[in-house]
N, C-alpha and C. Protein backbone atom coordinates (compact mmCIF):
# COMPACT_ATOMS: atom_id res chain seq x y z
N MET A 1 4.26 -2.51 -6.59
CA MET A 1 3.53 -4.01 -6.01
C MET A 1 3.78 -5.08 -7.12
N LYS A 2 4.55 -6.27 -6.29
CA LYS A 2 5.68 -7.17 -6.91
C LYS A 2 4.47 -8.25 -6.98
N VAL A 3 4.00 -9.13 -7.80
CA VAL A 3 3.37 -10.35 -8.16
C VAL A 3 4.08 -11.51 -8.85
N LYS A 4 3.45 -12.63 -8.65
CA LYS A 4 3.96 -13.78 -9.13
C LYS A 4 3.23 -14.17 -9.82
N TYR A 5 3.39 -14.27 -11.30
CA TYR A 5 2.38 -15.07 -12.07
C TYR A 5 2.28 -16.91 -11.76
N THR A 6 1.21 -17.07 -11.27
CA THR A 6 0.74 -18.27 -10.99
C THR A 6 0.77 -19.36 -11.99
N GLY A 7 0.40 -18.80 -13.48
CA GLY A 7 -0.18 -19.78 -14.75
C GLY A 7 0.83 -20.31 -15.32
N LYS A 8 0.38 -20.91 -16.72
CA LYS A 8 1.13 -21.42 -17.32
C LYS A 8 2.20 -20.61 -18.04
N THR A 9 3.14 -20.53 -18.75
CA THR A 9 4.02 -20.06 -19.45
C THR A 9 2.80 -19.38 -21.14
N VAL A 10 2.96 -18.21 -21.00
CA VAL A 10 2.04 -17.87 -22.57
C VAL A 10 3.65 -17.48 -23.27
N SER A 11 4.10 -18.06 -24.31
CA SER A 11 5.05 -17.75 -25.10
C SER A 11 5.22 -16.27 -25.20
N PHE A 12 6.34 -15.65 -24.84
CA PHE A 12 6.48 -14.20 -25.12
C PHE A 12 5.79 -12.85 -24.41
N MET A 13 4.93 -13.76 -23.13
CA MET A 13 4.22 -12.61 -22.94
C MET A 13 4.70 -12.60 -21.33
N LEU A 14 3.78 -13.90 -20.76
CA LEU A 14 4.16 -14.06 -19.17
C LEU A 14 4.69 -15.57 -19.31
N THR A 15 5.59 -15.27 -18.13
CA THR A 15 6.55 -16.68 -17.97
C THR A 15 6.48 -17.09 -15.94
N GLU A 16 5.69 -18.58 -16.26
CA GLU A 16 5.05 -19.36 -15.22
C GLU A 16 6.42 -18.73 -13.73
N ASN A 17 5.71 -18.75 -12.74
CA ASN A 17 6.63 -18.25 -11.57
C ASN A 17 7.27 -16.78 -11.55
N LYS A 18 7.13 -16.03 -12.66
CA LYS A 18 8.33 -15.06 -12.64
C LYS A 18 7.76 -13.76 -12.09
N ILE A 19 8.11 -12.73 -11.07
CA ILE A 19 7.69 -11.88 -10.61
C ILE A 19 7.54 -10.95 -11.41
N TYR A 20 6.74 -9.94 -11.84
CA TYR A 20 6.05 -9.34 -12.27
C TYR A 20 5.83 -7.75 -11.53
N ASP A 21 6.36 -6.62 -11.64
CA ASP A 21 5.83 -5.41 -11.05
C ASP A 21 4.48 -4.55 -11.89
N VAL A 22 3.31 -4.50 -10.85
CA VAL A 22 2.09 -3.79 -11.19
C VAL A 22 2.23 -2.65 -11.08
N LEU A 23 2.12 -1.98 -12.40
CA LEU A 23 2.32 -0.72 -12.51
C LEU A 23 0.64 0.17 -12.09
N ALA A 24 -0.35 -0.65 -12.54
CA ALA A 24 -1.90 -0.40 -11.89
C ALA A 24 -2.54 -1.23 -11.59
N VAL A 25 -3.56 -0.69 -10.79
CA VAL A 25 -4.71 -1.82 -10.83
C VAL A 25 -5.81 -0.63 -11.65
N GLU A 26 -6.46 -1.45 -12.72
CA GLU A 26 -7.50 -0.74 -13.47
C GLU A 26 -8.81 -1.94 -13.52
N ASN A 27 -9.94 -1.13 -12.95
CA ASN A 27 -11.33 -2.27 -12.75
C ASN A 27 -10.89 -3.75 -12.33
N ASP A 28 -9.86 -3.37 -11.05
CA ASP A 28 -9.51 -4.75 -10.62
C ASP A 28 -8.90 -5.66 -11.19
N TRP A 29 -8.08 -5.61 -12.57
CA TRP A 29 -7.25 -6.01 -13.13
C TRP A 29 -5.59 -5.52 -13.00
N TYR A 30 -4.60 -5.88 -13.43
CA TYR A 30 -3.17 -5.90 -13.01
C TYR A 30 -2.97 -5.53 -14.32
N ARG A 31 -2.33 -3.92 -14.46
CA ARG A 31 -1.70 -3.35 -15.59
C ARG A 31 -0.13 -4.03 -15.29
N ILE A 32 0.47 -5.02 -16.29
CA ILE A 32 1.97 -5.21 -15.81
C ILE A 32 2.54 -5.05 -17.13
N LYS A 33 4.07 -4.89 -17.33
CA LYS A 33 4.68 -5.10 -18.17
C LYS A 33 4.98 -6.64 -18.26
N ASP A 34 4.71 -6.90 -19.65
CA ASP A 34 4.97 -7.90 -19.56
C ASP A 34 6.48 -8.69 -20.55
N ASP A 35 6.81 -9.95 -20.72
CA ASP A 35 8.08 -10.10 -21.65
C ASP A 35 8.00 -9.68 -22.57
N THR A 36 6.91 -9.15 -23.45
CA THR A 36 7.50 -8.06 -24.34
C THR A 36 7.72 -6.53 -24.06
N ASP A 37 7.78 -6.69 -22.82
CA ASP A 37 8.23 -5.12 -22.61
C ASP A 37 7.19 -4.34 -22.85
N GLU A 38 5.92 -4.56 -23.07
CA GLU A 38 4.59 -3.73 -23.35
C GLU A 38 3.59 -4.18 -22.42
N ASP A 39 2.73 -2.99 -21.87
CA ASP A 39 1.79 -3.19 -20.96
C ASP A 39 0.42 -3.46 -21.18
N TYR A 40 -0.13 -4.37 -20.32
CA TYR A 40 -1.53 -4.65 -21.10
C TYR A 40 -1.90 -5.44 -19.49
N LEU A 41 -3.15 -5.52 -19.47
CA LEU A 41 -3.80 -5.85 -18.15
C LEU A 41 -4.48 -7.04 -17.81
N TYR A 42 -4.11 -8.15 -16.68
CA TYR A 42 -4.33 -9.41 -16.89
C TYR A 42 -4.99 -9.21 -15.49
N PRO A 43 -5.76 -10.28 -15.32
CA PRO A 43 -6.80 -10.79 -14.51
C PRO A 43 -5.53 -11.10 -12.96
N PRO A 44 -6.09 -10.82 -11.99
CA PRO A 44 -5.97 -10.61 -10.85
C PRO A 44 -5.34 -12.42 -10.16
N GLU A 45 -6.56 -13.52 -10.12
CA GLU A 45 -6.70 -14.58 -9.95
C GLU A 45 -5.33 -14.98 -10.55
N LYS A 46 -4.64 -14.93 -11.79
CA LYS A 46 -3.27 -15.39 -12.12
C LYS A 46 -2.35 -15.08 -11.33
N PHE A 47 -2.43 -14.82 -10.58
CA PHE A 47 -1.29 -13.97 -9.78
C PHE A 47 -1.35 -14.09 -8.37
N LYS A 48 0.19 -14.56 -7.84
CA LYS A 48 -0.25 -13.64 -6.46
C LYS A 48 0.94 -13.04 -5.83
N ILE A 49 0.38 -12.26 -4.82
CA ILE A 49 1.03 -11.00 -4.30
C ILE A 49 2.33 -11.05 -3.26
N ILE A 50 3.22 -10.79 -3.69
CA ILE A 50 4.47 -10.96 -3.16
C ILE A 50 5.08 -9.64 -2.30
N GLU A 51 4.76 -8.49 -2.62
CA GLU A 51 5.21 -7.49 -1.74
C GLU A 51 4.12 -6.40 -2.58
N GLY A 52 3.72 -6.01 -1.68
CA GLY A 52 3.02 -5.06 -1.58
C GLY A 52 1.11 -5.14 -1.71
N SER A 53 0.61 -3.89 -1.60
CA SER A 53 -0.93 -3.99 -1.85
C SER A 53 -1.71 -3.38 -2.67
N GLU A 54 -2.85 -3.63 -2.80
CA GLU A 54 -3.80 -3.51 -4.12
C GLU A 54 -3.97 -1.75 -3.65
N LYS A 55 -4.35 -1.96 -2.41
CA LYS A 55 -5.04 -0.51 -1.53
C LYS A 55 -3.39 0.53 -1.84
N ASP A 56 -2.30 -0.19 -2.09
CA ASP A 56 -1.38 0.92 -2.08
C ASP A 56 -1.46 1.40 -3.57
N LEU A 57 -1.52 0.94 -4.65
CA LEU A 57 -1.73 0.89 -5.97
C LEU A 57 -2.62 2.30 -5.83
N LYS A 58 -4.55 1.52 -5.74
CA LYS A 58 -5.31 2.43 -5.78
C LYS A 58 -4.86 3.80 -5.26
N VAL A 59 -4.71 3.68 -4.37
CA VAL A 59 -4.17 5.21 -3.14
C VAL A 59 -3.41 5.89 -4.19
N LYS A 60 -1.93 5.51 -4.83
CA LYS A 60 -1.51 6.19 -5.35
C LYS A 60 -2.05 7.01 -6.42
N ALA A 61 -2.74 5.99 -7.42
CA ALA A 61 -3.40 6.60 -8.72
C ALA A 61 -4.47 7.67 -8.33
N ASN A 62 -5.05 7.64 -6.94
CA ASN A 62 -6.14 8.06 -6.70
C ASN A 62 -5.75 10.22 -6.65
N GLU A 63 -3.80 9.88 -6.08
CA GLU A 63 -3.51 11.07 -5.53
C GLU A 63 -2.94 12.23 -6.74
């Protein structure tokens, strides 16, 4: 799933309007590899889904 960050730029972490790949959905938060090239959990309300859906990721995680 691809999402666009809609929050303000956080230095060295997330960039406003940048598109990120969601690696997984855990406890309803998105696991995203940020600008530091590390993956962390972020709240979904800070993102707009561009491609795919949470359902797709949850299905893959359960396989």
